[in-house]
Structures are given as structure tokens and as C-alpha cells.
Protein backbone atom coordinates (compact mmCIF):
# COMPACT_ATOMS: atom_id res chain seq x y z
CA MET A 1 123.82 21.13 -36.77
CA ALA A 2 123.78 24.75 -35.35
CA THR A 3 120.73 27.25 -35.93
CA CYS A 4 122.16 30.20 -36.87
CA LEU A 5 120.34 33.65 -36.51
CA VAL A 6 121.60 36.39 -38.61
CA THR A 7 120.21 39.88 -38.31
CA GLY A 8 120.38 41.91 -41.55
CA GLY A 9 120.80 38.40 -43.23
CA ALA A 10 119.41 39.93 -46.87
CA GLY A 11 122.40 42.90 -47.11
CA PHE A 12 125.48 42.49 -48.54
CA LEU A 13 127.61 40.62 -45.49
CA GLY A 14 124.62 39.12 -44.09
CA SER A 15 123.37 37.27 -47.28
CA HIS A 16 127.47 36.18 -47.88
CA LEU A 17 127.22 35.01 -44.14
CA CYS A 18 123.83 33.05 -44.69
CA ASP A 19 125.46 31.01 -47.65
CA GLU A 20 128.72 30.26 -45.73
CA LEU A 21 126.56 28.99 -42.85
CA LEU A 22 124.52 27.12 -44.74
CA ALA A 23 127.69 25.48 -46.53
CA ARG A 24 128.93 24.40 -43.48
CA GLY A 25 125.64 22.25 -42.73
CA HIS A 26 123.97 24.64 -40.37
CA ARG A 27 120.22 25.88 -40.30
CA VAL A 28 119.89 30.03 -40.70
CA ILE A 29 117.43 32.09 -39.41
CA CYS A 30 117.71 35.32 -42.14
CA VAL A 31 115.90 38.45 -40.50
CA ASP A 32 115.85 41.64 -42.16
CA ASN A 33 113.74 44.60 -42.46
CA LEU A 34 114.76 45.25 -45.81
CA GLU A 35 115.76 48.97 -45.34
CA THR A 36 119.09 48.75 -46.92
CA GLY A 37 118.81 44.96 -47.66
CA SER A 38 117.36 43.06 -50.87
CA LEU A 39 115.54 39.78 -51.30
CA ALA A 40 117.10 40.03 -54.46
CA ASN A 41 120.35 38.85 -52.44
CA ILE A 42 118.99 35.88 -50.87
CA GLU A 43 116.76 34.68 -53.28
CA HIS A 44 118.95 32.02 -55.03
CA ILE A 45 119.04 30.24 -51.80
CA ARG A 46 116.92 27.47 -51.81
CA ALA A 47 117.70 25.46 -48.78
CA PRO A 48 115.48 23.46 -46.19
CA ASP A 49 117.13 24.90 -43.87
CA PHE A 50 116.84 28.29 -44.53
CA ARG A 51 114.00 30.45 -43.39
CA PHE A 52 113.94 34.49 -44.09
CA GLU A 53 111.81 36.57 -41.32
CA HIS A 54 110.76 40.38 -42.34
CA VAL A 55 111.23 41.99 -39.03
CA ASP A 56 112.40 45.06 -37.93
CA ILE A 57 114.70 44.51 -34.47
CA ILE A 58 114.08 48.35 -33.48
CA ALA A 59 111.20 46.63 -31.81
CA PRO A 60 111.40 43.50 -29.54
CA TYR A 61 111.22 40.01 -31.58
CA PHE A 62 110.68 36.69 -30.67
CA ILE A 63 112.14 33.20 -32.67
CA ASP A 64 110.31 30.38 -31.89
CA GLU A 65 113.07 27.83 -31.73
CA PRO A 66 116.14 27.24 -30.14
CA VAL A 67 119.10 29.11 -31.75
CA ASP A 68 122.47 28.42 -31.23
CA ILE A 69 124.24 31.50 -32.03
CA VAL A 70 123.20 35.25 -33.10
CA TYR A 71 125.07 37.61 -35.71
CA HIS A 72 124.03 40.88 -35.27
CA LEU A 73 124.92 42.40 -38.67
CA ALA A 74 122.02 44.59 -38.63
CA SER A 75 123.21 48.41 -39.58
CA PRO A 76 122.88 50.84 -41.91
CA ALA A 77 126.68 50.67 -43.27
CA SER A 78 127.12 52.99 -46.22
CA PRO A 79 127.39 56.98 -46.13
CA ILE A 80 124.53 57.49 -48.10
CA ASP A 81 122.07 55.16 -45.64
CA TYR A 82 123.34 56.17 -42.62
CA LEU A 83 123.32 60.42 -43.73
CA ARG A 84 119.71 59.57 -45.06
CA LEU A 85 118.64 57.34 -41.93
CA PRO A 86 120.72 59.26 -38.80
CA LEU A 87 117.86 58.06 -36.17
CA HIS A 88 116.93 54.92 -37.51
CA THR A 89 120.85 54.35 -37.30
CA LEU A 90 121.10 55.24 -33.56
CA LYS A 91 118.24 52.67 -33.07
CA VAL A 92 119.47 50.00 -34.85
CA GLY A 93 123.00 50.16 -32.46
CA SER A 94 121.16 50.49 -29.39
CA HIS A 95 117.66 49.02 -29.57
CA GLY A 96 118.50 46.40 -32.19
CA THR A 97 121.16 45.11 -30.60
CA HIS A 98 119.60 45.22 -26.82
CA HIS A 99 116.92 43.43 -28.26
CA SER A 100 119.35 41.31 -29.54
CA LEU A 101 121.49 40.17 -27.05
CA GLY A 102 118.37 39.97 -25.16
CA LEU A 103 117.38 37.16 -27.25
CA ALA A 104 120.22 35.39 -27.55
CA LYS A 105 120.25 35.36 -23.53
CA HIS A 106 116.98 33.69 -23.79
CA HIS A 107 118.39 31.19 -25.75
CA ARG A 108 121.88 30.73 -24.23
CA ALA A 109 123.23 31.61 -27.32
CA ARG A 110 126.68 32.86 -28.30
CA PHE A 111 126.12 36.64 -29.42
CA VAL A 112 128.24 37.85 -32.43
CA LEU A 113 128.34 42.00 -32.63
CA ALA A 114 129.84 42.89 -36.20
CA SER A 115 131.21 45.94 -35.33
CA THR A 116 132.95 48.36 -37.23
CA SER A 117 136.66 50.13 -37.95
CA GLU A 118 134.96 53.33 -37.59
CA VAL A 119 134.98 53.18 -34.02
CA TYR A 120 138.78 54.04 -34.38
CA GLY A 121 137.13 57.24 -36.20
CA ASP A 122 139.92 59.18 -37.61
CA PRO A 123 142.65 57.16 -36.27
CA GLN A 124 145.71 59.08 -35.13
CA VAL A 125 147.52 55.52 -34.22
CA HIS A 126 148.33 53.16 -36.92
CA PRO A 127 148.20 50.97 -38.14
CA GLN A 128 145.01 50.90 -35.39
CA SER A 129 144.93 47.95 -32.79
CA GLU A 130 141.86 46.77 -30.52
CA ASP A 131 143.92 48.36 -27.38
CA TYR A 132 143.41 51.48 -28.83
CA TRP A 133 140.36 53.83 -28.17
CA GLY A 134 140.18 55.57 -31.33
CA HIS A 135 139.57 59.67 -32.23
CA VAL A 136 135.94 59.70 -33.43
CA ASN A 137 133.73 63.14 -33.52
CA PRO A 138 130.36 62.14 -31.99
CA ILE A 139 128.94 65.48 -33.37
CA GLY A 140 129.92 65.39 -37.17
CA PRO A 141 127.75 63.72 -39.47
CA ARG A 142 129.35 60.36 -39.47
CA GLY A 143 129.08 60.44 -35.67
CA VAL A 144 125.76 58.29 -36.02
CA TYR A 145 127.26 55.30 -37.38
CA ASP A 146 130.69 55.55 -35.34
CA GLU A 147 128.52 56.33 -32.06
CA ALA A 148 125.83 53.36 -32.83
CA LYS A 149 128.63 51.03 -32.80
CA ARG A 150 130.21 52.02 -29.86
CA TYR A 151 127.40 51.71 -27.94
CA ALA A 152 126.87 48.53 -29.41
CA GLU A 153 130.20 47.27 -28.59
CA ALA A 154 129.56 48.66 -24.84
CA LEU A 155 126.43 47.32 -24.64
CA THR A 156 128.08 43.80 -25.72
CA MET A 157 130.06 44.26 -23.14
CA ALA A 158 127.49 45.07 -20.33
CA TYR A 159 125.63 42.01 -20.82
CA HIS A 160 128.65 39.27 -21.07
CA ARG A 161 130.06 41.03 -17.77
CA GLN A 162 126.23 41.49 -15.80
CA GLN A 163 123.91 39.08 -17.92
CA GLY A 164 126.59 35.88 -18.77
CA VAL A 165 125.83 36.30 -22.62
CA ASP A 166 128.70 34.62 -24.21
CA THR A 167 129.91 37.30 -26.72
CA ALA A 168 132.11 38.26 -29.52
CA ILE A 169 133.05 41.40 -31.20
CA VAL A 170 134.16 42.27 -34.59
CA ARG A 171 135.23 45.15 -35.68
CA ILE A 172 134.91 45.10 -40.55
CA PHE A 173 137.61 46.93 -41.99
CA ASN A 174 136.57 48.17 -45.65
CA SER A 175 135.33 44.91 -47.35
CA TYR A 176 133.85 43.99 -50.84
CA GLY A 177 132.35 41.84 -53.42
CA ALA A 178 129.48 40.63 -55.63
CA ARG A 179 126.15 41.84 -53.63
CA MET A 180 127.62 45.76 -52.72
CA ARG A 181 124.50 48.18 -54.24
CA ALA A 182 126.19 50.12 -57.18
CA HIS A 183 124.92 53.70 -55.85
CA ASP A 184 125.82 52.77 -52.22
CA GLY A 185 128.46 55.68 -51.69
CA ARG A 186 131.43 53.29 -50.78
CA ALA A 187 134.54 53.75 -53.21
CA ILE A 188 134.75 50.05 -55.09
CA PRO A 189 131.14 49.86 -56.20
CA THR A 190 131.64 53.37 -57.32
CA PHE A 191 134.94 53.17 -59.02
CA LEU A 192 134.00 49.90 -60.44
CA ARG A 193 130.08 51.25 -62.07
CA GLN A 194 132.04 54.31 -62.89
CA ALA A 195 134.82 52.74 -64.66
CA LEU A 196 132.84 50.06 -66.16
CA SER A 197 130.64 52.96 -67.58
CA ASP A 198 133.76 55.07 -68.83
CA ARG A 199 133.02 57.81 -66.63
CA PRO A 200 135.27 59.67 -64.72
CA ILE A 201 136.60 57.90 -61.51
CA THR A 202 135.84 60.20 -58.67
CA VAL A 203 138.36 60.77 -55.68
CA PHE A 204 137.63 62.31 -52.75
CA GLY A 205 140.27 65.31 -51.46
CA ASP A 206 143.39 64.52 -53.19
CA GLY A 207 143.51 60.72 -53.09
CA ARG A 208 146.50 60.30 -50.90
CA GLN A 209 143.81 58.97 -47.56
CA THR A 210 144.41 55.15 -47.30
CA ARG A 211 142.19 52.40 -46.92
CA SER A 212 142.78 48.49 -46.48
CA PHE A 213 139.96 46.08 -48.98
CA CYS A 214 138.95 42.37 -47.82
CA TYR A 215 137.83 40.41 -49.98
CA VAL A 216 133.95 39.23 -48.61
CA ASP A 217 134.70 35.55 -48.66
CA ASP A 218 138.00 36.23 -46.61
CA LEU A 219 135.89 38.64 -44.32
CA ILE A 220 133.21 35.71 -43.45
CA GLY A 221 135.55 33.56 -42.92
CA GLY A 222 136.94 35.53 -40.40
CA ILE A 223 134.11 36.63 -38.75
CA VAL A 224 132.63 32.49 -38.29
CA ALA A 225 136.19 31.40 -36.68
CA LEU A 226 135.55 34.17 -34.00
CA ALA A 227 132.48 32.67 -33.32
CA GLU A 228 133.54 29.62 -33.34
CA SER A 229 135.88 30.77 -30.81
CA GLY A 230 135.69 31.31 -27.18
CA LEU A 231 137.37 35.32 -27.48
CA HIS A 232 134.96 37.84 -26.17
CA ASP A 233 137.43 40.74 -26.85
CA PRO A 234 137.09 42.83 -30.09
CA VAL A 235 139.08 41.71 -32.86
CA ASN A 236 139.78 42.95 -35.65
CA ILE A 237 139.12 41.11 -39.48
CA GLY A 238 140.23 42.98 -42.19
CA ASN A 239 142.98 42.49 -45.07
CA PRO A 240 146.44 44.64 -44.14
CA ASP A 241 147.50 45.62 -47.60
CA GLU A 242 146.98 49.46 -47.74
CA PHE A 243 146.36 51.14 -50.82
CA THR A 244 145.60 55.45 -51.11
CA LEU A 245 142.46 55.97 -53.29
CA LEU A 246 143.97 57.30 -56.10
CA GLU A 247 145.79 53.32 -56.05
CA LEU A 248 142.80 51.67 -55.58
CA ALA A 249 141.15 54.25 -58.71
CA GLU A 250 144.18 53.11 -61.05
CA ALA A 251 143.63 49.40 -59.94
CA VAL A 252 139.77 49.84 -61.02
CA ILE A 253 141.27 51.12 -64.16
CA GLU A 254 143.77 48.46 -64.75
CA VAL A 255 141.35 45.85 -63.95
CA THR A 256 138.38 47.01 -66.14
CA GLY A 257 140.29 48.11 -68.71
CA SER A 258 138.37 51.47 -68.69
CA ARG A 259 139.12 54.99 -70.62
CA SER A 260 138.14 56.60 -67.42
CA GLU A 261 139.77 59.68 -66.36
CA VAL A 262 140.29 60.87 -62.34
CA VAL A 263 138.51 63.19 -61.36
CA TYR A 264 139.01 65.29 -58.12
CA GLU A 265 135.98 66.54 -55.45
CA ALA A 266 135.78 67.84 -52.44
CA LEU A 267 136.91 65.69 -49.27
CA PRO A 268 133.33 64.64 -46.68
CA THR A 269 133.56 65.85 -43.06
CA ASP A 270 135.55 63.93 -40.94
CA ASP A 271 137.13 61.38 -43.87
CA PRO A 272 139.55 59.17 -42.53
CA LYS A 273 143.01 60.17 -43.38
CA VAL A 274 144.54 56.74 -42.77
CA ARG A 275 143.02 52.93 -42.09
CA GLN A 276 144.64 49.97 -41.38
CA PRO A 277 143.68 47.22 -39.21
CA ASP A 278 146.90 45.42 -36.86
CA ILE A 279 145.44 41.64 -37.45
CA THR A 280 147.58 40.11 -35.04
CA ARG A 281 145.49 38.93 -32.61
CA ALA A 282 143.53 37.25 -36.18
CA ARG A 283 146.65 35.57 -37.18
CA GLU A 284 147.17 34.08 -33.80
CA LEU A 285 144.46 33.80 -32.13
CA LEU A 286 142.03 32.59 -35.12
CA ARG A 287 144.47 31.18 -37.10
CA TRP A 288 142.96 33.63 -39.57
CA GLU A 289 144.41 36.24 -42.12
CA PRO A 290 143.15 37.63 -46.19
CA LYS A 291 143.99 35.13 -48.81
CA VAL A 292 142.60 37.43 -51.69
CA VAL A 293 145.01 39.74 -53.24
CA LEU A 294 143.30 43.08 -54.33
CA ARG A 295 143.42 42.76 -58.32
CA GLU A 296 141.90 39.14 -57.84
CA GLY A 297 139.25 40.55 -55.62
CA LEU A 298 138.22 43.02 -57.98
CA GLU A 299 138.16 40.32 -60.76
CA ARG A 300 136.17 37.94 -58.63
CA THR A 301 133.60 40.96 -57.99
CA ILE A 302 132.97 41.76 -61.32
CA ALA A 303 132.88 37.61 -62.41
CA GLN A 304 130.12 37.42 -59.83
CA ALA A 305 128.41 40.16 -59.91
CA GLY A 306 127.96 40.88 -63.89
CA VAL A 307 128.49 44.24 -65.60
CA ASP A 308 125.04 45.32 -65.41
CA VAL A 309 124.70 45.18 -62.02
CA LEU A 310 127.92 47.00 -60.94
CA VAL A 311 126.94 49.84 -63.07
CA GLY A 312 123.18 49.95 -61.58
CA ALA A 313 121.46 49.06 -64.41
CA SER A 314 119.19 46.40 -62.24
CA GLY A 315 118.43 49.45 -59.84
């Protein structure tokens, strides 16, 4: 049994990671300041090997028992959150990552940084492989999230090279599933909320920009596989099946049986035109690839979350 610390453990991905680690027989310490996470995401966990700590990792923090793996997932991740909390987002990427790496060093633990496909910015290379350096606007409104993650990657590698910390970096592409907030501004929860209420589905721009959507169970499996490997360089974890946002809207309407129509709104600043992971490294080195196709994932999300939650009736 390993003791795993999960920062941001009450968030969407963090709570699913806590579930998976407990299912594998590990002890889990969940750390979260509940700024964007919620106790509702972990209220179902009654395992004796689970502990929640209400902590803001921007300040130094300590864990009073041995830790084997630190999964650093804490960060505002949706556009609504990081545009509302720009300085906090930067501090989580810098101070929070520094303190979590220091804790990993102290415990001689493996450290897994949850980075993002946003480090590639609006890519000029398609699909995006880990050796692509990206095309990011550091002073645009999205820069607070993009640069926080790019800095966190640099800090992680510095701790690895200079301090000898056993580190890994996972670049997470668009993911979805139950426990996403209905009003978090991302495409799938927004489209599901609108479709299940028979309201118009809002597509930005002409809807031809692409995304690749990975179901949460697949994504968590990839993160754990990376943690259990000896890899240090970044690894893309995501689903390489690519859809335009218009195709996504049509799939949501079909799965929900909605009467919604598609309407178009202005494209946000620095919105990426394409997003598709090259997962060759994950396939070859981790023996990992996603299994759940988009339609099946959408059906699972609706079944597990419930219609009331997806339309925002519970908050």
C-alpha cells in the first residue's frame, strides 16, 4: 500500500483520482482549499484510508506521515475560473508547485505534475507531440493559466535535475465526465446543460475549431500509469479522436434527444484552432490508450451525474 497525496483532490479530476487510488488499495490524503473544488465531489468516500485536509498550498504546508507519491492536480482549470482568479492561478502554478515539490523532496516521494495541453497554445503543429514547444500568448487573458503550467513544468524539471526529485509531467488534454460543474464554461458541461434544458447550444466562432475529448476513467488510468512508471519527460494523456465543436454539439443533441438548436457567438481571445494529442509516447512507454468513445462517454456522464446536476439545479 502506497500513501498518495492528491492536491486539488476535491476537484473534478482530483476526486476521480482519489477514487481510483483507493480502489487500488492505496491510502489517500486529499488536499484542497475548495476554491474551485467541492466537498460534494468526495462526500461519497467513507474509506478508512482516506483523509481530507483543508489546505491552501500557496502557503507552505506539511504532512505528518510518510508520503510515497504526490499527485499535484491543484489549479483553477476552466476559463471561467482562471479569468476570475488570474493572480491565484499564477500563484498556484508557482508557489503551490514549489511547496508541493518541496514536500515530495522531504518525503523522497515521486512527484506527478498535472500539466495541460494549453502549454501548446494555439499550435502550429498538428497533432501535438511532447517535443513541440508551443505557440503561446503570454500576455493574453489565457496567459495566466498557460504560463502558470509552463512555469510549473520548468520548476518540476529543475527540482528533478538539481534536487534529484523523482518527477513526472502529464500533459492533460480535454477531459470530461461526472462531477464537472454545469457552469464551468467548458464545452461538454455547457452543451449538456443547454441540451438537457432544450435551450440553444452556443458554439463559439464558426464551430470548426477542433478538440479531442477523453473520458475521465481513461484519463485517470493514464495518470496512474505514468506515476507508476520511471518516466520523467512530459507525456500527453488524451484521446486522439478529433471533433469540431459543431460535431460535438450535434453528438450531444443526438445522445440527449434534445430539441436544441445551435447558435453562434464570438470567438474568445486566443481560443485554439486545433487540439489533438499525439499519444505515441503513452502507447509505447506506458502501454496506455483511451478505450471510451465520445458517444459512450457522454451517455456515462449523463447516467452517473444525473440530469438535475448537469442542468445546474444543484448549484
